[in-house]
Amino acid sequence: MSNDQGKTTAEGKDRQVVVSVRFPGELLDRIQAMAAVMSTTANALIREGMEVYVREQAASSEFKQASEKYIAEAQARVATVLGAPPDGRRARG
């Protein structure tokens, strides 16, 4: 469970979590060099890059198709748990 259970949505947005990510050495060197040239940190550069990537991917048709498939599969699993047939009708019991 998360420690954020009692926090409001606004408080949760500002929460930052430390993660570990592995980069090939050459890519990390390029990121650090770019950050130095741009007078920022590698952390800020990576975070900004991921924000752009996620925004672009979320707007893509590929993501829409994948999300629709994911939702359909999740609904099928829930129906299985509830004992409902695949077409969505509840099983008699």
PDB file of N, CA and C in Angstrom:
ATOM      1  N   MET A   1       0.838  -1.182   0.000  1.00  0.00           N
ATOM      2  CA  MET A   1       0.000   0.000   0.000  1.00  0.00           C
ATOM      3  C   MET A   1       0.883   1.246   0.000  1.00  0.00           C
ATOM      4  N   SER A   2       0.365   2.275  -0.560  1.00  0.00           N
ATOM      5  CA  SER A   2       1.091   3.536  -0.622  1.00  0.00           C
ATOM      6  C   SER A   2       0.902   4.320   0.662  1.00  0.00           C
ATOM      7  N   ASN A   3       1.856   5.182   0.962  1.00  0.00           N
ATOM      8  CA  ASN A   3       1.736   6.069   2.112  1.00  0.00           C
ATOM      9  C   ASN A   3       0.889   7.284   1.801  1.00  0.00           C
ATOM     10  N   ASP A   4       0.359   7.386   0.591  1.00  0.00           N
ATOM     11  CA  ASP A   4      -0.371   8.567   0.149  1.00  0.00           C
ATOM     12  C   ASP A   4      -1.881   8.425   0.309  1.00  0.00           C
ATOM     13  N   GLN A   5      -2.358   7.449   1.060  1.00  0.00           N
ATOM     14  CA  GLN A   5      -3.787   7.190   1.139  1.00  0.00           C
ATOM     15  C   GLN A   5      -4.590   8.398   1.568  1.00  0.00           C
ATOM     16  N   GLY A   6      -4.123   9.185   2.502  1.00  0.00           N
ATOM     17  CA  GLY A   6      -4.896  10.310   2.999  1.00  0.00           C
ATOM     18  C   GLY A   6      -4.664  11.607   2.263  1.00  0.00           C
ATOM     19  N   LYS A   7      -3.832  11.614   1.239  1.00  0.00           N
ATOM     20  CA  LYS A   7      -3.485  12.855   0.545  1.00  0.00           C
ATOM     21  C   LYS A   7      -4.523  13.206  -0.502  1.00  0.00           C
ATOM     22  N   THR A   8      -4.686  14.501  -0.729  1.00  0.00           N
ATOM     23  CA  THR A   8      -5.590  14.951  -1.780  1.00  0.00           C
ATOM     24  C   THR A   8      -4.903  14.791  -3.122  1.00  0.00           C
ATOM     25  N   THR A   9      -5.667  14.911  -4.196  1.00  0.00           N
ATOM     26  CA  THR A   9      -5.108  14.781  -5.538  1.00  0.00           C
ATOM     27  C   THR A   9      -4.018  15.817  -5.781  1.00  0.00           C
ATOM     28  N   ALA A  10      -4.228  17.050  -5.346  1.00  0.00           N
ATOM     29  CA  ALA A  10      -3.234  18.109  -5.562  1.00  0.00           C
ATOM     30  C   ALA A  10      -1.927  17.776  -4.853  1.00  0.00           C
ATOM     31  N   GLU A  11      -2.013  17.239  -3.643  1.00  0.00           N
ATOM     32  CA  GLU A  11      -0.791  16.880  -2.921  1.00  0.00           C
ATOM     33  C   GLU A  11      -0.064  15.748  -3.628  1.00  0.00           C
ATOM     34  N   GLY A  12      -0.809  14.771  -4.150  1.00  0.00           N
ATOM     35  CA  GLY A  12      -0.222  13.632  -4.831  1.00  0.00           C
ATOM     36  C   GLY A  12       0.502  14.020  -6.105  1.00  0.00           C
ATOM     37  N   LYS A  13       0.049  15.062  -6.796  1.00  0.00           N
ATOM     38  CA  LYS A  13       0.682  15.499  -8.037  1.00  0.00           C
ATOM     39  C   LYS A  13       2.110  15.975  -7.803  1.00  0.00           C
ATOM     40  N   ASP A  14       2.379  16.591  -6.671  1.00  0.00           N
ATOM     41  CA  ASP A  14       3.699  17.136  -6.392  1.00  0.00           C
ATOM     42  C   ASP A  14       4.652  16.098  -5.818  1.00  0.00           C
ATOM     43  N   ARG A  15       4.149  14.926  -5.507  1.00  0.00           N
ATOM     44  CA  ARG A  15       4.965  13.874  -4.924  1.00  0.00           C
ATOM     45  C   ARG A  15       5.997  13.399  -5.945  1.00  0.00           C
ATOM     46  N   GLN A  16       7.223  13.268  -5.526  1.00  0.00           N
ATOM     47  CA  GLN A  16       8.258  12.749  -6.411  1.00  0.00           C
ATOM     48  C   GLN A  16       8.803  11.465  -5.812  1.00  0.00           C
ATOM     49  N   VAL A  17       9.038  10.495  -6.679  1.00  0.00           N
ATOM     50  CA  VAL A  17       9.509   9.190  -6.272  1.00  0.00           C
ATOM     51  C   VAL A  17      10.843   8.941  -6.945  1.00  0.00           C
ATOM     52  N   VAL A  18      11.773   8.399  -6.211  1.00  0.00           N
ATOM     53  CA  VAL A  18      13.077   8.058  -6.760  1.00  0.00           C
ATOM     54  C   VAL A  18      12.978   6.684  -7.405  1.00  0.00           C
ATOM     55  N   VAL A  19      13.444   6.575  -8.648  1.00  0.00           N
ATOM     56  CA  VAL A  19      13.470   5.292  -9.362  1.00  0.00           C
ATOM     57  C   VAL A  19      14.878   5.040  -9.877  1.00  0.00           C
ATOM     58  N   SER A  20      15.159   3.794 -10.132  1.00  0.00           N
ATOM     59  CA  SER A  20      16.455   3.422 -10.683  1.00  0.00           C
ATOM     60  C   SER A  20      16.250   3.008 -12.130  1.00  0.00           C
ATOM     61  N   VAL A  21      16.987   3.628 -13.035  1.00  0.00           N
ATOM     62  CA  VAL A  21      16.883   3.325 -14.459  1.00  0.00           C
ATOM     63  C   VAL A  21      18.282   3.046 -14.974  1.00  0.00           C
ATOM     64  N   ARG A  22      18.416   2.023 -15.783  1.00  0.00           N
ATOM     65  CA  ARG A  22      19.725   1.694 -16.366  1.00  0.00           C
ATOM     66  C   ARG A  22      19.820   2.283 -17.765  1.00  0.00           C
ATOM     67  N   PHE A  23      20.930   2.960 -18.035  1.00  0.00           N
ATOM     68  CA  PHE A  23      21.197   3.517 -19.355  1.00  0.00           C
ATOM     69  C   PHE A  23      22.510   2.948 -19.861  1.00  0.00           C
ATOM     70  N   PRO A  24      22.626   2.722 -21.162  1.00  0.00           N
ATOM     71  CA  PRO A  24      23.950   2.402 -21.703  1.00  0.00           C
ATOM     72  C   PRO A  24      24.873   3.592 -21.405  1.00  0.00           C
ATOM     73  N   GLY A  25      26.124   3.310 -21.108  1.00  0.00           N
ATOM     74  CA  GLY A  25      27.075   4.360 -20.750  1.00  0.00           C
ATOM     75  C   GLY A  25      27.145   5.493 -21.753  1.00  0.00           C
ATOM     76  N   GLU A  26      27.138   5.156 -23.039  1.00  0.00           N
ATOM     77  CA  GLU A  26      27.247   6.182 -24.077  1.00  0.00           C
ATOM     78  C   GLU A  26      26.029   7.113 -24.061  1.00  0.00           C
ATOM     79  N   LEU A  27      24.845   6.550 -23.860  1.00  0.00           N
ATOM     80  CA  LEU A  27      23.640   7.383 -23.810  1.00  0.00           C
ATOM     81  C   LEU A  27      23.677   8.298 -22.588  1.00  0.00           C
ATOM     82  N   LEU A  28      24.083   7.769 -21.456  1.00  0.00           N
ATOM     83  CA  LEU A  28      24.166   8.603 -20.255  1.00  0.00           C
ATOM     84  C   LEU A  28      25.183   9.728 -20.442  1.00  0.00           C
ATOM     85  N   ASP A  29      26.292   9.422 -21.092  1.00  0.00           N
ATOM     86  CA  ASP A  29      27.288  10.464 -21.384  1.00  0.00           C
ATOM     87  C   ASP A  29      26.665  11.571 -22.231  1.00  0.00           C
ATOM     88  N   ARG A  30      25.879  11.192 -23.230  1.00  0.00           N
ATOM     89  CA  ARG A  30      25.233  12.188 -24.098  1.00  0.00           C
ATOM     90  C   ARG A  30      24.218  13.024 -23.324  1.00  0.00           C
ATOM     91  N   ILE A  31      23.448  12.363 -22.443  1.00  0.00           N
ATOM     92  CA  ILE A  31      22.460  13.074 -21.629  1.00  0.00           C
ATOM     93  C   ILE A  31      23.161  14.079 -20.718  1.00  0.00           C
ATOM     94  N   GLN A  32      24.214  13.646 -20.060  1.00  0.00           N
ATOM     95  CA  GLN A  32      24.934  14.538 -19.147  1.00  0.00           C
ATOM     96  C   GLN A  32      25.588  15.692 -19.889  1.00  0.00           C
ATOM     97  N   ALA A  33      26.126  15.435 -21.079  1.00  0.00           N
ATOM     98  CA  ALA A  33      26.733  16.509 -21.876  1.00  0.00           C
ATOM     99  C   ALA A  33      25.671  17.506 -22.312  1.00  0.00           C
ATOM    100  N   MET A  34      24.512  17.007 -22.747  1.00  0.00           N
ATOM    101  CA  MET A  34      23.437  17.896 -23.165  1.00  0.00           C
ATOM    102  C   MET A  34      22.952  18.734 -21.989  1.00  0.00           C
ATOM    103  N   ALA A  35      22.802  18.108 -20.835  1.00  0.00           N
ATOM    104  CA  ALA A  35      22.355  18.826 -19.645  1.00  0.00           C
ATOM    105  C   ALA A  35      23.336  19.947 -19.297  1.00  0.00           C
ATOM    106  N   ALA A  36      24.636  19.665 -19.394  1.00  0.00           N
ATOM    107  CA  ALA A  36      25.646  20.681 -19.092  1.00  0.00           C
ATOM    108  C   ALA A  36      25.540  21.856 -20.062  1.00  0.00           C
ATOM    109  N   VAL A  37      25.377  21.546 -21.338  1.00  0.00           N
ATOM    110  CA  VAL A  37      25.268  22.600 -22.350  1.00  0.00           C
ATOM    111  C   VAL A  37      24.022  23.448 -22.112  1.00  0.00           C
ATOM    112  N   MET A  38      22.944  22.805 -21.664  1.00  0.00           N
ATOM    113  CA  MET A  38      21.672  23.505 -21.463  1.00  0.00           C
ATOM    114  C   MET A  38      21.533  24.083 -20.050  1.00  0.00           C
ATOM    115  N   SER A  39      22.591  23.996 -19.253  1.00  0.00           N
ATOM    116  CA  SER A  39      22.595  24.512 -17.872  1.00  0.00           C
ATOM    117  C   SER A  39      21.438  23.949 -17.038  1.00  0.00           C
ATOM    118  N   THR A  40      21.265  22.642 -17.134  1.00  0.00           N
ATOM    119  CA  THR A  40      20.249  21.959 -16.345  1.00  0.00           C
ATOM    120  C   THR A  40      20.865  20.670 -15.814  1.00  0.00           C
ATOM    121  N   THR A  41      20.059  19.821 -15.235  1.00  0.00           N
ATOM    122  CA  THR A  41      20.563  18.549 -14.713  1.00  0.00           C
ATOM    123  C   THR A  41      20.126  17.418 -15.631  1.00  0.00           C
ATOM    124  N   ALA A  42      20.863  16.325 -15.569  1.00  0.00           N
ATOM    125  CA  ALA A  42      20.475  15.141 -16.329  1.00  0.00           C
ATOM    126  C   ALA A  42      19.090  14.685 -15.873  1.00  0.00           C
ATOM    127  N   ASN A  43      18.820  14.767 -14.585  1.00  0.00           N
ATOM    128  CA  ASN A  43      17.526  14.390 -14.039  1.00  0.00           C
ATOM    129  C   ASN A  43      16.397  15.201 -14.681  1.00  0.00           C
ATOM    130  N   ALA A  44      16.567  16.505 -14.765  1.00  0.00           N
ATOM    131  CA  ALA A  44      15.545  17.371 -15.358  1.00  0.00           C
ATOM    132  C   ALA A  44      15.365  17.063 -16.841  1.00  0.00           C
ATOM    133  N   LEU A  45      16.445  16.817 -17.524  1.00  0.00           N
ATOM    134  CA  LEU A  45      16.396  16.510 -18.954  1.00  0.00           C
ATOM    135  C   LEU A  45      15.660  15.193 -19.199  1.00  0.00           C
ATOM    136  N   ILE A  46      15.960  14.191 -18.416  1.00  0.00           N
ATOM    137  CA  ILE A  46      15.299  12.886 -18.547  1.00  0.00           C
ATOM    138  C   ILE A  46      13.816  13.011 -18.216  1.00  0.00           C
ATOM    139  N   ARG A  47      13.489  13.709 -17.133  1.00  0.00           N
ATOM    140  CA  ARG A  47      12.090  13.879 -16.734  1.00  0.00           C
ATOM    141  C   ARG A  47      11.299  14.594 -17.838  1.00  0.00           C
ATOM    142  N   GLU A  48      11.863  15.677 -18.377  1.00  0.00           N
ATOM    143  CA  GLU A  48      11.183  16.415 -19.446  1.00  0.00           C
ATOM    144  C   GLU A  48      11.006  15.542 -20.687  1.00  0.00           C
ATOM    145  N   GLY A  49      12.038  14.783 -21.021  1.00  0.00           N
ATOM    146  CA  GLY A  49      11.953  13.885 -22.175  1.00  0.00           C
ATOM    147  C   GLY A  49      10.874  12.835 -21.995  1.00  0.00           C
ATOM    148  N   MET A  50      10.746  12.289 -20.810  1.00  0.00           N
ATOM    149  CA  MET A  50       9.719  11.282 -20.552  1.00  0.00           C
ATOM    150  C   MET A  50       8.328  11.900 -20.579  1.00  0.00           C
ATOM    151  N   GLU A  51       8.187  13.121 -20.094  1.00  0.00           N
ATOM    152  CA  GLU A  51       6.884  13.795 -20.159  1.00  0.00           C
ATOM    153  C   GLU A  51       6.432  13.949 -21.607  1.00  0.00           C
ATOM    154  N   VAL A  52       7.338  14.368 -22.478  1.00  0.00           N
ATOM    155  CA  VAL A  52       7.019  14.533 -23.900  1.00  0.00           C
ATOM    156  C   VAL A  52       6.688  13.175 -24.511  1.00  0.00           C
ATOM    157  N   TYR A  53       7.484  12.168 -24.224  1.00  0.00           N
ATOM    158  CA  TYR A  53       7.272  10.832 -24.781  1.00  0.00           C
ATOM    159  C   TYR A  53       5.916  10.274 -24.372  1.00  0.00           C
ATOM    160  N   VAL A  54       5.589  10.347 -23.088  1.00  0.00           N
ATOM    161  CA  VAL A  54       4.321   9.808 -22.600  1.00  0.00           C
ATOM    162  C   VAL A  54       3.144  10.562 -23.231  1.00  0.00           C
ATOM    163  N   ARG A  55       3.232  11.867 -23.302  1.00  0.00           N
ATOM    164  CA  ARG A  55       2.158  12.669 -23.904  1.00  0.00           C
ATOM    165  C   ARG A  55       1.953  12.276 -25.371  1.00  0.00           C
ATOM    166  N   GLU A  56       3.042  12.135 -26.126  1.00  0.00           N
ATOM    167  CA  GLU A  56       2.938  11.778 -27.541  1.00  0.00           C
ATOM    168  C   GLU A  56       2.400  10.360 -27.719  1.00  0.00           C
ATOM    169  N   GLN A  57       2.889   9.439 -26.919  1.00  0.00           N
ATOM    170  CA  GLN A  57       2.424   8.055 -27.036  1.00  0.00           C
ATOM    171  C   GLN A  57       0.949   7.927 -26.663  1.00  0.00           C
ATOM    172  N   ALA A  58       0.519   8.635 -25.625  1.00  0.00           N
ATOM    173  CA  ALA A  58      -0.876   8.566 -25.193  1.00  0.00           C
ATOM    174  C   ALA A  58      -1.818   9.091 -26.265  1.00  0.00           C
ATOM    175  N   ALA A  59      -1.341   9.971 -27.127  1.00  0.00           N
ATOM    176  CA  ALA A  59      -2.171  10.540 -28.185  1.00  0.00           C
ATOM    177  C   ALA A  59      -2.143   9.695 -29.466  1.00  0.00           C
ATOM    178  N   SER A  60      -1.343   8.651 -29.496  1.00  0.00           N
ATOM    179  CA  SER A  60      -1.183   7.866 -30.722  1.00  0.00           C
ATOM    180  C   SER A  60      -2.304   6.851 -30.906  1.00  0.00           C
ATOM    181  N   SER A  61      -2.539   6.476 -32.158  1.00  0.00           N
ATOM    182  CA  SER A  61      -3.547   5.462 -32.461  1.00  0.00           C
ATOM    183  C   SER A  61      -3.121   4.101 -31.915  1.00  0.00           C
ATOM    184  N   GLU A  62      -1.822   3.848 -31.872  1.00  0.00           N
ATOM    185  CA  GLU A  62      -1.328   2.581 -31.330  1.00  0.00           C
ATOM    186  C   GLU A  62      -1.693   2.445 -29.856  1.00  0.00           C
ATOM    187  N   PHE A  63      -1.569   3.545 -29.112  1.00  0.00           N
ATOM    188  CA  PHE A  63      -1.922   3.498 -27.694  1.00  0.00           C
ATOM    189  C   PHE A  63      -3.424   3.305 -27.537  1.00  0.00           C
ATOM    190  N   LYS A  64      -4.206   3.965 -28.370  1.00  0.00           N
ATOM    191  CA  LYS A  64      -5.665   3.810 -28.290  1.00  0.00           C
ATOM    192  C   LYS A  64      -6.043   2.355 -28.515  1.00  0.00           C
ATOM    193  N   GLN A  65      -5.466   1.730 -29.535  1.00  0.00           N
ATOM    194  CA  GLN A  65      -5.762   0.321 -29.808  1.00  0.00           C
ATOM    195  C   GLN A  65      -5.314  -0.571 -28.653  1.00  0.00           C
ATOM    196  N   ALA A  66      -4.119  -0.333 -28.134  1.00  0.00           N
ATOM    197  CA  ALA A  66      -3.611  -1.144 -27.032  1.00  0.00           C
ATOM    198  C   ALA A  66      -4.453  -0.965 -25.783  1.00  0.00           C
ATOM    199  N   SER A  67      -4.915   0.259 -25.515  1.00  0.00           N
ATOM    200  CA  SER A  67      -5.721   0.492 -24.318  1.00  0.00           C
ATOM    201  C   SER A  67      -7.094  -0.160 -24.443  1.00  0.00           C
ATOM    202  N   GLU A  68      -7.676  -0.140 -25.649  1.00  0.00           N
ATOM    203  CA  GLU A  68      -8.965  -0.803 -25.859  1.00  0.00           C
ATOM    204  C   GLU A  68      -8.829  -2.309 -25.658  1.00  0.00           C
ATOM    205  N   LYS A  69      -7.742  -2.896 -26.145  1.00  0.00           N
ATOM    206  CA  LYS A  69      -7.485  -4.327 -25.954  1.00  0.00           C
ATOM    207  C   LYS A  69      -7.286  -4.637 -24.471  1.00  0.00           C
ATOM    208  N   TYR A  70      -6.531  -3.796 -23.790  1.00  0.00           N
ATOM    209  CA  TYR A  70      -6.270  -3.983 -22.361  1.00  0.00           C
ATOM    210  C   TYR A  70      -7.582  -3.953 -21.571  1.00  0.00           C
ATOM    211  N   ILE A  71      -8.451  -2.991 -21.876  1.00  0.00           N
ATOM    212  CA  ILE A  71      -9.731  -2.864 -21.173  1.00  0.00           C
ATOM    213  C   ILE A  71     -10.607  -4.077 -21.435  1.00  0.00           C
ATOM    214  N   ALA A  72     -10.681  -4.536 -22.690  1.00  0.00           N
ATOM    215  CA  ALA A  72     -11.498  -5.708 -23.027  1.00  0.00           C
ATOM    216  C   ALA A  72     -10.996  -6.943 -22.278  1.00  0.00           C
ATOM    217  N   GLU A  73      -9.674  -7.125 -22.214  1.00  0.00           N
ATOM    218  CA  GLU A  73      -9.117  -8.275 -21.502  1.00  0.00           C
ATOM    219  C   GLU A  73      -9.386  -8.176 -20.002  1.00  0.00           C
ATOM    220  N   ALA A  74      -9.299  -6.979 -19.449  1.00  0.00           N
ATOM    221  CA  ALA A  74      -9.574  -6.793 -18.021  1.00  0.00           C
ATOM    222  C   ALA A  74     -11.039  -7.088 -17.727  1.00  0.00           C
ATOM    223  N   GLN A  75     -11.935  -6.633 -18.603  1.00  0.00           N
ATOM    224  CA  GLN A  75     -13.361  -6.902 -18.413  1.00  0.00           C
ATOM    225  C   GLN A  75     -13.645  -8.400 -18.480  1.00  0.00           C
ATOM    226  N   ALA A  76     -12.972  -9.107 -19.375  1.00  0.00           N
ATOM    227  CA  ALA A  76     -13.147 -10.555 -19.484  1.00  0.00           C
ATOM    228  C   ALA A  76     -12.664 -11.251 -18.215  1.00  0.00           C
ATOM    229  N   ARG A  77     -11.553 -10.794 -17.637  1.00  0.00           N
ATOM    230  CA  ARG A  77     -11.049 -11.396 -16.398  1.00  0.00           C
ATOM    231  C   ARG A  77     -12.013 -11.156 -15.247  1.00  0.00           C
ATOM    232  N   VAL A  78     -12.572  -9.943 -15.163  1.00  0.00           N
ATOM    233  CA  VAL A  78     -13.538  -9.633 -14.109  1.00  0.00           C
ATOM    234  C   VAL A  78     -14.781 -10.494 -14.283  1.00  0.00           C
ATOM    235  N   ALA A  79     -15.232 -10.653 -15.522  1.00  0.00           N
ATOM    236  CA  ALA A  79     -16.402 -11.495 -15.777  1.00  0.00           C
ATOM    237  C   ALA A  79     -16.136 -12.923 -15.324  1.00  0.00           C
ATOM    238  N   THR A  80     -14.918 -13.416 -15.542  1.00  0.00           N
ATOM    239  CA  THR A  80     -14.554 -14.755 -15.101  1.00  0.00           C
ATOM    240  C   THR A  80     -14.629 -14.861 -13.586  1.00  0.00           C
ATOM    241  N   VAL A  81     -14.122 -13.860 -12.890  1.00  0.00           N
ATOM    242  CA  VAL A  81     -14.166 -13.849 -11.425  1.00  0.00           C
ATOM    243  C   VAL A  81     -15.609 -13.861 -10.931  1.00  0.00           C
ATOM    244  N   LEU A  82     -16.476 -13.122 -11.601  1.00  0.00           N
ATOM    245  CA  LEU A  82     -17.881 -13.020 -11.210  1.00  0.00           C
ATOM    246  C   LEU A  82     -18.706 -14.212 -11.671  1.00  0.00           C
ATOM    247  N   GLY A  83     -18.106 -15.082 -12.482  1.00  0.00           N
ATOM    248  CA  GLY A  83     -18.824 -16.241 -12.980  1.00  0.00           C
ATOM    249  C   GLY A  83     -19.763 -15.916 -14.114  1.00  0.00           C
ATOM    250  N   ALA A  84     -19.522 -14.793 -14.775  1.00  0.00           N
ATOM    251  CA  ALA A  84     -20.371 -14.383 -15.889  1.00  0.00           C
ATOM    252  C   ALA A  84     -19.858 -15.003 -17.183  1.00  0.00           C
ATOM    253  N   PRO A  85     -20.756 -15.346 -18.100  1.00  0.00           N
ATOM    254  CA  PRO A  85     -20.292 -15.828 -19.403  1.00  0.00           C
ATOM    255  C   PRO A  85     -19.573 -14.715 -20.164  1.00  0.00           C
ATOM    256  N   PRO A  86     -18.760 -15.053 -21.163  1.00  0.00           N
ATOM    257  CA  PRO A  86     -17.961 -14.057 -21.891  1.00  0.00           C
ATOM    258  C   PRO A  86     -18.772 -12.945 -22.538  1.00  0.00           C
ATOM    259  N   ASP A  87     -20.054 -13.173 -22.853  1.00  0.00           N
ATOM    260  CA  ASP A  87     -20.832 -12.130 -23.516  1.00  0.00           C
ATOM    261  C   ASP A  87     -21.348 -11.074 -22.553  1.00  0.00           C
ATOM    262  N   GLY A  88     -21.036 -11.213 -21.257  1.00  0.00           N
ATOM    263  CA  GLY A  88     -21.374 -10.182 -20.296  1.00  0.00           C
ATOM    264  C   GLY A  88     -22.597 -10.470 -19.454  1.00  0.00           C
ATOM    265  N   ARG A  89     -23.412 -11.503 -19.826  1.00  0.00           N
ATOM    266  CA  ARG A  89     -24.579 -11.842 -19.016  1.00  0.00           C
ATOM    267  C   ARG A  89     -24.123 -12.564 -17.759  1.00  0.00           C
ATOM    268  N   ARG A  90     -24.805 -12.324 -16.676  1.00  0.00           N
ATOM    269  CA  ARG A  90     -24.458 -12.992 -15.420  1.00  0.00           C
ATOM    270  C   ARG A  90     -24.925 -14.434 -15.438  1.00  0.00           C
ATOM    271  N   ALA A  91     -24.096 -15.300 -14.888  1.00  0.00           N
ATOM    272  CA  ALA A  91     -24.470 -16.712 -14.795  1.00  0.00           C
ATOM    273  C   ALA A  91     -25.535 -16.884 -13.727  1.00  0.00           C
ATOM    274  N   ARG A  92     -26.423 -17.817 -13.954  1.00  0.00           N
ATOM    275  CA  ARG A  92     -27.476 -18.099 -12.974  1.00  0.00           C
ATOM    276  C   ARG A  92     -26.907 -18.975 -11.879  1.00  0.00           C
ATOM    277  N   GLY A  93     -27.309 -18.714 -10.685  1.00  0.00           N
ATOM    278  CA  GLY A  93     -26.741 -19.541  -9.639  1.00  0.00           C
ATOM    279  C   GLY A  93     -27.560 -19.544  -8.481  1.00  0.00           C
TER     280      GLY A  93
END
